[in-house]
C-alpha atoms as a PDB file:
ATOM      1  CA  MET A   1      48.288 -21.178 -11.080  1.00  0.00           C
ATOM      2  CA  ARG A   2      46.070 -18.729  -9.224  1.00  0.00           C
ATOM      3  CA  ALA A   3      45.862 -18.666  -5.456  1.00  0.00           C
ATOM      4  CA  PHE A   4      43.648 -17.068  -2.830  1.00  0.00           C
ATOM      5  CA  LEU A   5      43.596 -16.555   0.929  1.00  0.00           C
ATOM      6  CA  GLY A   6      40.988 -17.662   3.445  1.00  0.00           C
ATOM      7  CA  LEU A   7      39.064 -14.310   3.836  1.00  0.00           C
ATOM      8  CA  MET A   8      36.568 -15.368   0.993  1.00  0.00           C
ATOM      9  CA  LYS A   9      35.999 -14.259  -2.560  1.00  0.00           C
ATOM     10  CA  ILE A  10      35.185 -15.826  -5.941  1.00  0.00           C
ATOM     11  CA  VAL A  11      37.464 -15.703  -8.926  1.00  0.00           C
ATOM     12  CA  ALA A  12      35.749 -16.866 -12.092  1.00  0.00           C
ATOM     13  CA  GLY A  13      37.532 -18.029 -15.224  1.00  0.00           C
ATOM     14  CA  GLY A  14      40.799 -16.420 -14.150  1.00  0.00           C
ATOM     15  CA  ARG A  15      39.223 -13.120 -13.075  1.00  0.00           C
ATOM     16  CA  VAL A  16      37.933 -11.861  -9.786  1.00  0.00           C
ATOM     17  CA  VAL A  17      34.271 -11.730  -8.836  1.00  0.00           C
ATOM     18  CA  ALA A  18      34.340  -8.148  -7.646  1.00  0.00           C
ATOM     19  CA  ALA A  19      32.581  -6.427  -4.780  1.00  0.00           C
ATOM     20  CA  GLY A  20      29.643  -4.502  -6.140  1.00  0.00           C
ATOM     21  CA  ILE A  21      28.399  -3.411  -9.536  1.00  0.00           C
ATOM     22  CA  ASP A  22      30.336  -0.127  -9.378  1.00  0.00           C
ATOM     23  CA  GLY A  23      33.629  -1.998  -9.007  1.00  0.00           C
ATOM     24  CA  LEU A  24      33.200  -4.491 -11.825  1.00  0.00           C
ATOM     25  CA  ARG A  25      35.320  -2.738 -14.429  1.00  0.00           C
ATOM     26  CA  GLU A  26      38.126  -2.185 -11.955  1.00  0.00           C
ATOM     27  CA  ALA A  27      38.242  -5.824 -10.915  1.00  0.00           C
ATOM     28  CA  ALA A  28      37.742  -7.512 -14.275  1.00  0.00           C
ATOM     29  CA  GLY A  29      40.923  -8.686 -15.894  1.00  0.00           C
ATOM     30  CA  ASN A  30      43.120  -8.597 -12.792  1.00  0.00           C
ATOM     31  CA  SER A  31      45.230 -11.719 -12.364  1.00  0.00           C
ATOM     32  CA  ARG A  32      46.208 -11.853  -8.706  1.00  0.00           C
ATOM     33  CA  ASP A  33      46.905 -14.004  -5.709  1.00  0.00           C
ATOM     34  CA  GLY A  34      44.395 -14.020  -2.895  1.00  0.00           C
ATOM     35  CA  PHE A  35      44.242 -14.468   0.838  1.00  0.00           C
ATOM     36  CA  GLY A  36      41.823 -15.406   3.573  1.00  0.00           C
ATOM     37  CA  ALA A  37      41.306 -15.176   7.295  1.00  0.00           C
ATOM     38  CA  GLY A  38      39.423 -18.120   8.619  1.00  0.00           C
ATOM     39  CA  GLY A  39      39.864 -20.202  11.725  1.00  0.00           C
ATOM     40  CA  SER A  40      38.232 -20.126  15.128  1.00  0.00           C
ATOM     41  CA  SER A  41      40.715 -17.998  17.092  1.00  0.00           C
ATOM     42  CA  ASP A  42      40.064 -14.364  17.986  1.00  0.00           C
ATOM     43  CA  ARG A  43      42.901 -13.251  15.737  1.00  0.00           C
ATOM     44  CA  PRO A  44      42.518 -13.893  12.000  1.00  0.00           C
ATOM     45  CA  VAL A  45      44.863 -16.445  10.501  1.00  0.00           C
ATOM     46  CA  LEU A  46      45.847 -15.658   6.928  1.00  0.00           C
ATOM     47  CA  LYS A  47      46.285 -18.711   4.734  1.00  0.00           C
ATOM     48  CA  LEU A  48      47.183 -18.944   1.061  1.00  0.00           C
ATOM     49  CA  HIS A  49      45.151 -21.452  -0.972  1.00  0.00           C
ATOM     50  CA  SER A  50      45.347 -22.547  -4.586  1.00  0.00           C
ATOM     51  CA  ALA A  51      41.951 -22.570  -6.320  1.00  0.00           C
ATOM     52  CA  PRO A  52      42.341 -22.021 -10.059  1.00  0.00           C
ATOM     53  CA  SER A  53      38.728 -22.712 -11.095  1.00  0.00           C
ATOM     54  CA  ILE A  54      35.366 -21.077 -10.397  1.00  0.00           C
ATOM     55  CA  GLN A  55      34.050 -24.450  -9.207  1.00  0.00           C
ATOM     56  CA  GLU A  56      36.720 -24.611  -6.511  1.00  0.00           C
ATOM     57  CA  ARG A  57      35.973 -21.085  -5.358  1.00  0.00           C
ATOM     58  CA  ILE A  58      32.233 -21.743  -5.221  1.00  0.00           C
ATOM     59  CA  ALA A  59      32.929 -24.893  -3.215  1.00  0.00           C
ATOM     60  CA  TYR A  60      34.930 -22.815  -0.746  1.00  0.00           C
ATOM     61  CA  ILE A  61      32.212 -20.164  -0.456  1.00  0.00           C
ATOM     62  CA  ARG A  62      29.589 -22.866   0.084  1.00  0.00           C
ATOM     63  CA  LYS A  63      31.750 -24.418   2.788  1.00  0.00           C
ATOM     64  CA  MET A  64      32.238 -21.098   4.567  1.00  0.00           C
ATOM     65  CA  GLY A  65      28.526 -20.258   4.361  1.00  0.00           C
ATOM     66  CA  ASN A  66      27.643 -23.555   5.979  1.00  0.00           C
ATOM     67  CA  LYS A  67      30.271 -23.050   8.676  1.00  0.00           C
ATOM     68  CA  GLY A  68      28.897 -19.573   9.286  1.00  0.00           C
ATOM     69  CA  LYS A  69      25.313 -20.711   9.769  1.00  0.00           C
ATOM     70  CA  ILE A  70      26.298 -22.568  12.944  1.00  0.00           C
ATOM     71  CA  ASP A  71      28.877 -20.045  14.144  1.00  0.00           C
ATOM     72  CA  PRO A  72      27.789 -18.600  17.543  1.00  0.00           C
ATOM     73  CA  GLU A  73      28.587 -14.999  16.580  1.00  0.00           C
ATOM     74  CA  VAL A  74      26.653 -15.212  13.325  1.00  0.00           C
ATOM     75  CA  TYR A  75      23.777 -16.988  15.080  1.00  0.00           C
ATOM     76  CA  GLU A  76      23.650 -14.298  17.781  1.00  0.00           C
ATOM     77  CA  PHE A  77      23.818 -11.434  15.283  1.00  0.00           C
ATOM     78  CA  THR A  78      20.953 -12.981  13.307  1.00  0.00           C
ATOM     79  CA  ARG A  79      18.753 -13.333  16.400  1.00  0.00           C
ATOM     80  CA  LYS A  80      19.470  -9.760  17.457  1.00  0.00           C
ATOM     81  CA  ALA A  81      18.355  -8.575  14.026  1.00  0.00           C
ATOM     82  CA  LEU A  82      15.071 -10.471  14.373  1.00  0.00           C
ATOM     83  CA  THR A  83      14.213  -9.839  18.031  1.00  0.00           C
ATOM     84  CA  LYS A  84      14.225  -6.058  18.343  1.00  0.00           C
ATOM     85  CA  LYS A  85      11.306  -4.823  20.437  1.00  0.00           C
ATOM     86  CA  CYS A  86       8.924  -2.059  19.394  1.00  0.00           C
ATOM     87  CA  GLY A  87       7.032  -1.424  22.608  1.00  0.00           C
ATOM     88  CA  VAL A  88       4.198  -3.264  24.303  1.00  0.00           C
ATOM     89  CA  GLY A  89       0.732  -3.920  22.930  1.00  0.00           C
ATOM     90  CA  GLY A  90      -2.596  -3.315  24.607  1.00  0.00           C
ATOM     91  CA  ASP A  91      -2.563  -6.881  25.882  1.00  0.00           C
ATOM     92  CA  GLY A  92       0.693  -6.209  27.725  1.00  0.00           C
ATOM     93  CA  ARG A  93       2.734  -8.402  25.409  1.00  0.00           C
ATOM     94  CA  THR A  94       5.841  -7.419  23.440  1.00  0.00           C
ATOM     95  CA  ASN A  95       5.376  -5.916  20.002  1.00  0.00           C
ATOM     96  CA  TRP A  96       8.236  -7.279  17.925  1.00  0.00           C
ATOM     97  CA  CYS A  97       9.609  -4.898  15.273  1.00  0.00           C
ATOM     98  CA  THR A  98       9.717  -7.919  12.977  1.00  0.00           C
ATOM     99  CA  GLU A  99       6.429  -9.763  13.366  1.00  0.00           C
ATOM    100  CA  GLU A 100       6.622 -13.488  13.959  1.00  0.00           C
ATOM    101  CA  LYS A 101       6.223 -15.548  10.774  1.00  0.00           C
ATOM    102  CA  ASP A 102       6.299 -12.422   8.597  1.00  0.00           C
ATOM    103  CA  TYR A 103       8.927 -13.903   6.296  1.00  0.00           C
ATOM    104  CA  ASP A 104       9.318 -10.875   4.044  1.00  0.00           C
ATOM    105  CA  ALA A 105       9.989  -8.786   7.152  1.00  0.00           C
ATOM    106  CA  GLU A 106      12.464 -11.354   8.511  1.00  0.00           C
ATOM    107  CA  VAL A 107      14.462 -11.443   5.299  1.00  0.00           C
ATOM    108  CA  THR A 108      14.467  -7.649   5.106  1.00  0.00           C
ATOM    109  CA  ALA A 109      15.558  -7.342   8.755  1.00  0.00           C
ATOM    110  CA  ILE A 110      18.507  -9.670   8.166  1.00  0.00           C
ATOM    111  CA  PHE A 111      19.451  -7.827   4.977  1.00  0.00           C
ATOM    112  CA  ASN A 112      19.244  -4.415   6.680  1.00  0.00           C
ATOM    113  CA  ALA A 113      21.346  -5.652   9.599  1.00  0.00           C
ATOM    114  CA  VAL A 114      24.144  -6.537   7.190  1.00  0.00           C
ATOM    115  CA  ARG A 115      23.787  -3.247   5.313  1.00  0.00           C
ATOM    116  CA  ASP A 116      23.946  -1.313   8.608  1.00  0.00           C
ATOM    117  CA  GLU A 117      26.909  -3.249   9.988  1.00  0.00           C
ATOM    118  CA  VAL A 118      29.125  -4.061   6.991  1.00  0.00           C
ATOM    119  CA  ARG A 119      30.699  -1.311   4.921  1.00  0.00           C
ATOM    120  CA  TYR A 120      31.664  -2.082   1.345  1.00  0.00           C
ATOM    121  CA  THR A 121      35.458  -2.199   1.108  1.00  0.00           C
ATOM    122  CA  HIS A 122      37.883  -3.241  -1.607  1.00  0.00           C
ATOM    123  CA  ASP A 123      40.315  -6.106  -1.206  1.00  0.00           C
ATOM    124  CA  ILE A 124      43.966  -5.700  -0.359  1.00  0.00           C
ATOM    125  CA  ARG A 125      45.758  -4.321  -3.389  1.00  0.00           C
ATOM    126  CA  GLY A 126      46.792  -7.192  -5.644  1.00  0.00           C
ATOM    127  CA  ILE A 127      45.165  -9.890  -3.478  1.00  0.00           C
ATOM    128  CA  ASP A 128      41.740 -11.578  -3.694  1.00  0.00           C
ATOM    129  CA  THR A 129      40.403 -11.951  -0.167  1.00  0.00           C
ATOM    130  CA  TYR A 130      37.716 -14.374   1.052  1.00  0.00           C
ATOM    131  CA  GLN A 131      36.318 -13.849   4.534  1.00  0.00           C
ATOM    132  CA  HIS A 132      34.610 -16.269   6.885  1.00  0.00           C
ATOM    133  CA  PRO A 133      31.188 -14.719   7.751  1.00  0.00           C
ATOM    134  CA  LYS A 134      32.134 -14.059  11.369  1.00  0.00           C
ATOM    135  CA  ARG A 135      35.257 -12.206  10.212  1.00  0.00           C
ATOM    136  CA  THR A 136      33.091  -9.949   8.055  1.00  0.00           C
ATOM    137  CA  LEU A 137      31.107  -9.090  11.199  1.00  0.00           C
ATOM    138  CA  GLN A 138      34.287  -8.493  13.182  1.00  0.00           C
ATOM    139  CA  PHE A 139      35.908  -6.356  10.481  1.00  0.00           C
ATOM    140  CA  HIS A 140      32.664  -4.453   9.667  1.00  0.00           C
ATOM    141  CA  GLY A 141      33.710  -4.501   6.024  1.00  0.00           C
ATOM    142  CA  GLY A 142      33.904  -6.598   2.896  1.00  0.00           C
ATOM    143  CA  ASP A 143      32.931  -6.796  -0.763  1.00  0.00           C
ATOM    144  CA  CYS A 144      30.198  -8.656  -2.647  1.00  0.00           C
ATOM    145  CA  ASP A 145      31.360 -12.185  -1.903  1.00  0.00           C
ATOM    146  CA  ASP A 146      31.936 -11.335   1.745  1.00  0.00           C
ATOM    147  CA  SER A 147      28.470  -9.852   2.234  1.00  0.00           C
ATOM    148  CA  SER A 148      26.958 -12.745   0.254  1.00  0.00           C
ATOM    149  CA  SER A 149      28.650 -15.342   2.475  1.00  0.00           C
ATOM    150  CA  LEU A 150      27.459 -13.541   5.589  1.00  0.00           C
ATOM    151  CA  LEU A 151      23.904 -13.117   4.304  1.00  0.00           C
ATOM    152  CA  ALA A 152      23.720 -16.763   3.267  1.00  0.00           C
ATOM    153  CA  ALA A 153      24.973 -17.905   6.676  1.00  0.00           C
ATOM    154  CA  MET A 154      22.502 -15.682   8.551  1.00  0.00           C
ATOM    155  CA  LEU A 155      19.547 -16.695   6.405  1.00  0.00           C
ATOM    156  CA  MET A 156      20.337 -20.382   6.715  1.00  0.00           C
ATOM    157  CA  SER A 157      20.706 -19.979  10.488  1.00  0.00           C
ATOM    158  CA  ALA A 158      17.138 -18.623  10.477  1.00  0.00           C
ATOM    159  CA  GLY A 159      15.836 -21.595   8.461  1.00  0.00           C
ATOM    160  CA  TYR A 160      15.820 -20.231   4.902  1.00  0.00           C
ATOM    161  CA  GLU A 161      16.908 -21.937   1.695  1.00  0.00           C
ATOM    162  CA  VAL A 162      19.585 -19.855  -0.006  1.00  0.00           C
ATOM    163  CA  ARG A 163      21.414 -19.819  -3.319  1.00  0.00           C
ATOM    164  CA  GLY A 164      24.312 -17.809  -4.618  1.00  0.00           C
ATOM    165  CA  ARG A 165      23.982 -16.120  -7.993  1.00  0.00           C
ATOM    166  CA  ILE A 166      27.001 -15.168 -10.066  1.00  0.00           C
ATOM    167  CA  ILE A 167      26.666 -12.930 -13.093  1.00  0.00           C
ATOM    168  CA  ARG A 168      28.738 -11.670 -15.978  1.00  0.00           C
ATOM    169  CA  THR A 169      27.854  -8.197 -17.157  1.00  0.00           C
ATOM    170  CA  ASN A 170      27.910  -7.135 -20.797  1.00  0.00           C
ATOM    171  CA  ASP A 171      31.180  -5.228 -20.399  1.00  0.00           C
ATOM    172  CA  ALA A 172      33.080  -8.121 -18.772  1.00  0.00           C
ATOM    173  CA  GLU A 173      34.777 -11.149 -20.306  1.00  0.00           C
ATOM    174  CA  ASP A 174      34.219 -13.348 -17.234  1.00  0.00           C
ATOM    175  CA  TRP A 175      31.960 -13.654 -14.185  1.00  0.00           C
ATOM    176  CA  ASN A 176      32.323 -10.461 -12.158  1.00  0.00           C
ATOM    177  CA  HIS A 177      29.637 -10.219  -9.445  1.00  0.00           C
ATOM    178  CA  ILE A 178      27.855 -12.343  -6.839  1.00  0.00           C
ATOM    179  CA  PHE A 179      24.793 -11.875  -4.632  1.00  0.00           C
ATOM    180  CA  VAL A 180      22.301 -14.018  -2.712  1.00  0.00           C
ATOM    181  CA  ILE A 181      18.792 -15.155  -3.574  1.00  0.00           C
ATOM    182  CA  VAL A 182      16.574 -16.539  -0.810  1.00  0.00           C
ATOM    183  CA  LYS A 183      13.410 -18.655  -0.943  1.00  0.00           C
ATOM    184  CA  VAL A 184      10.649 -16.813   0.929  1.00  0.00           C
ATOM    185  CA  PRO A 185       7.411 -18.601   1.926  1.00  0.00           C
ATOM    186  CA  THR A 186       4.277 -16.778   0.721  1.00  0.00           C
ATOM    187  CA  GLY A 187       1.589 -19.045   2.196  1.00  0.00           C
ATOM    188  CA  ASN A 188      -0.461 -22.000   0.922  1.00  0.00           C
ATOM    189  CA  ASP A 189       2.734 -23.998   0.338  1.00  0.00           C
ATOM    190  CA  SER A 190       3.957 -21.446  -2.190  1.00  0.00           C
ATOM    191  CA  SER A 191       7.122 -19.351  -2.201  1.00  0.00           C
ATOM    192  CA  LYS A 192       9.126 -16.791  -4.143  1.00  0.00           C
ATOM    193  CA  TRP A 193      12.806 -16.094  -4.678  1.00  0.00           C
ATOM    194  CA  CYS A 194      14.102 -12.723  -3.505  1.00  0.00           C
ATOM    195  CA  ALA A 195      17.465 -11.152  -4.372  1.00  0.00           C
ATOM    196  CA  LEU A 196      19.675  -9.651  -1.666  1.00  0.00           C
ATOM    197  CA  ASP A 197      22.745  -7.674  -2.714  1.00  0.00           C
ATOM    198  CA  ALA A 198      24.269  -5.928   0.292  1.00  0.00           C
ATOM    199  CA  SER A 199      27.268  -4.668  -1.673  1.00  0.00           C
ATOM    200  CA  VAL A 200      25.254  -1.978  -3.481  1.00  0.00           C
ATOM    201  CA  ARG A 201      22.931   0.749  -2.201  1.00  0.00           C
ATOM    202  CA  LYS A 202      19.751  -0.957  -3.288  1.00  0.00           C
ATOM    203  CA  PRO A 203      16.818  -2.311  -1.252  1.00  0.00           C
ATOM    204  CA  ALA A 204      16.064  -5.958  -0.576  1.00  0.00           C
ATOM    205  CA  GLY A 205      14.581  -7.531  -3.701  1.00  0.00           C
ATOM    206  CA  TRP A 206      16.698  -5.561  -6.188  1.00  0.00           C
ATOM    207  CA  TYR A 207      18.120  -7.487  -9.135  1.00  0.00           C
ATOM    208  CA  PRO A 208      20.690  -6.147 -11.629  1.00  0.00           C
ATOM    209  CA  PRO A 209      18.712  -5.161 -14.749  1.00  0.00           C
ATOM    210  CA  ASP A 210      18.505  -7.838 -17.460  1.00  0.00           C
ATOM    211  CA  SER A 211      19.899  -5.307 -19.902  1.00  0.00           C
ATOM    212  CA  MET A 212      23.283  -5.373 -18.168  1.00  0.00           C
ATOM    213  CA  VAL A 213      23.506  -9.145 -17.555  1.00  0.00           C
ATOM    214  CA  ALA A 214      25.107 -11.274 -20.262  1.00  0.00           C
ATOM    215  CA  GLN A 215      25.231 -14.508 -18.268  1.00  0.00           C
ATOM    216  CA  LYS A 216      24.068 -15.806 -14.889  1.00  0.00           C
ATOM    217  CA  ALA A 217      24.298 -19.022 -12.888  1.00  0.00           C
ATOM    218  CA  ASP A 218      23.090 -20.161  -9.459  1.00  0.00           C
ATOM    219  CA  PHE A 219      24.569 -22.541  -6.907  1.00  0.00           C
ATOM    220  CA  ALA A 220      23.075 -23.997  -3.725  1.00  0.00           C
ATOM    221  CA  PHE A 221      24.653 -23.447  -0.315  1.00  0.00           C
ATOM    222  CA  ASP A 222      23.435 -26.668   1.269  1.00  0.00           C
END
């Protein structure tokens, strides 16, 4: 039976959901234990969990995302990303770098904050790790599931509806990547879904090309 630790990552169908498109081949097919650092103390606590199915791993990621959205450190980091000042206008009032109610700009600011703060890093050799969002901020590193959990938590803390998307690429036997899609208001009671993948060097809104995706599935965070 497979196991994982509380630092946060998906394993799908007996294989790991890897961190980033470039690492998919390396991760696919590895049968490993995993570990995670959750908890509320300043020092991470590593706990081994058994979660043999993709459904159980998604449930854990959803749980961590929802914990993260009300975590003070995640909440503060999100507000700092959205409240940077860009001088003073002619009326003497603050010019916010991210204009109020500019939802595209808000989503991009949150995405860029994660890209600027969290470096893509592989898991411990032979172990699938799954990080609580605040641990990803503290460690300044993580892979695709770690950045996805953090992004989901930050976006939900700012009022956005978020889903996780898992994919299986054409060269993989099982699910091997995860990223976030967020519902962005566009006015007149309409909206659009925007992809955010902080584990690759691509801008907000980038989706993996259809030509490389054999299978995809979404899950809600709340």
